């Protein structure tokens, strides 16, 4: 039980994005994100529109908790 709690804590402290693998140039509408090789999945670089990238990141932010009071 303690080992799994440590794994969950370590996972939640990890940043979901690596700024070292991200490139963005002023005046460019795209950013490049270099993926690492993981579980047999190929690495490489993905170019994505900056606004689409923000939309992907924002989709992972959970809504605030509701208490039922207004």
Protein backbone atom coordinates (compact mmCIF):
# COMPACT_ATOMS: atom_id res chain seq x y z
CA UNK A 1 0.00 0.00 0.00
CA UNK A 2 2.78 2.44 0.89
CA UNK A 3 4.65 1.66 -2.33
CA UNK A 4 1.58 2.44 -4.47
CA UNK A 5 1.00 5.69 -2.57
CA UNK A 6 4.61 6.70 -3.27
CA UNK A 7 4.17 5.90 -6.97
CA UNK A 8 1.00 8.00 -7.16
CA UNK A 9 2.69 10.90 -5.36
CA UNK A 10 5.73 10.74 -7.64
CA UNK A 11 3.51 10.59 -10.73
CA UNK A 12 1.44 13.59 -9.65
CA UNK A 13 4.57 15.69 -9.04
CA UNK A 14 5.85 15.02 -12.54
CA UNK A 15 5.27 17.73 -15.10
CA UNK A 16 3.04 16.57 -17.97
CA UNK A 17 5.14 18.51 -20.50
CA UNK A 18 8.84 18.95 -21.00
CA UNK A 19 9.80 22.49 -21.93
CA UNK A 20 13.14 21.18 -23.17
CA UNK A 21 11.32 19.21 -25.87
CA UNK A 22 9.18 22.17 -26.97
CA UNK A 23 10.19 24.80 -29.56
CA UNK A 24 8.28 27.94 -30.49
CA UNK A 25 9.45 30.90 -32.54
CA UNK A 26 7.92 34.37 -32.38
CA UNK A 27 5.84 35.07 -35.45
CA UNK A 28 5.31 31.35 -36.06
CA UNK A 29 1.79 29.97 -35.63
CA UNK A 30 3.06 26.48 -34.84
CA UNK A 31 5.15 24.90 -32.16
CA UNK A 32 7.20 21.75 -32.39
CA UNK A 33 7.12 19.12 -29.65
CA UNK A 34 9.71 16.34 -29.73
CA UNK A 35 8.26 13.09 -28.43
CA UNK A 36 10.43 10.54 -26.68
CA UNK A 37 10.47 6.88 -27.60
CA UNK A 38 8.13 5.04 -25.23
CA UNK A 39 6.76 1.49 -25.06
CA UNK A 40 7.74 0.74 -28.64
CA UNK A 41 6.08 3.92 -29.88
CA UNK A 42 8.28 5.91 -32.20
CA UNK A 43 9.63 9.27 -31.10
CA UNK A 44 9.84 12.15 -33.48
CA UNK A 45 8.64 15.69 -33.74
CA UNK A 46 5.05 16.82 -33.94
CA UNK A 47 4.25 20.26 -35.34
CA UNK A 48 0.94 21.65 -34.13
CA UNK A 49 -0.88 24.96 -34.30
CA UNK A 50 -0.22 26.94 -31.10
CA UNK A 51 -3.93 27.45 -30.33
CA UNK A 52 -4.68 23.75 -30.89
CA UNK A 53 -1.83 22.89 -28.52
CA UNK A 54 -3.30 25.14 -25.83
CA UNK A 55 -6.71 23.54 -26.35
CA UNK A 56 -5.19 20.08 -25.85
CA UNK A 57 -3.49 21.15 -22.62
CA UNK A 58 -6.56 22.93 -21.25
CA UNK A 59 -8.69 19.83 -21.87
CA UNK A 60 -6.75 18.06 -19.10
CA UNK A 61 -7.51 20.68 -16.44
CA UNK A 62 -10.31 19.31 -14.27
CA UNK A 63 -13.31 21.51 -13.46
CA UNK A 64 -13.42 23.10 -9.99
CA UNK A 65 -15.20 21.11 -7.34
CA UNK A 66 -18.84 21.96 -6.75
CA UNK A 67 -20.33 22.10 -3.30
CA UNK A 68 -23.96 22.42 -4.29
CA UNK A 69 -24.16 25.93 -2.79
CA UNK A 70 -24.74 28.97 -4.98
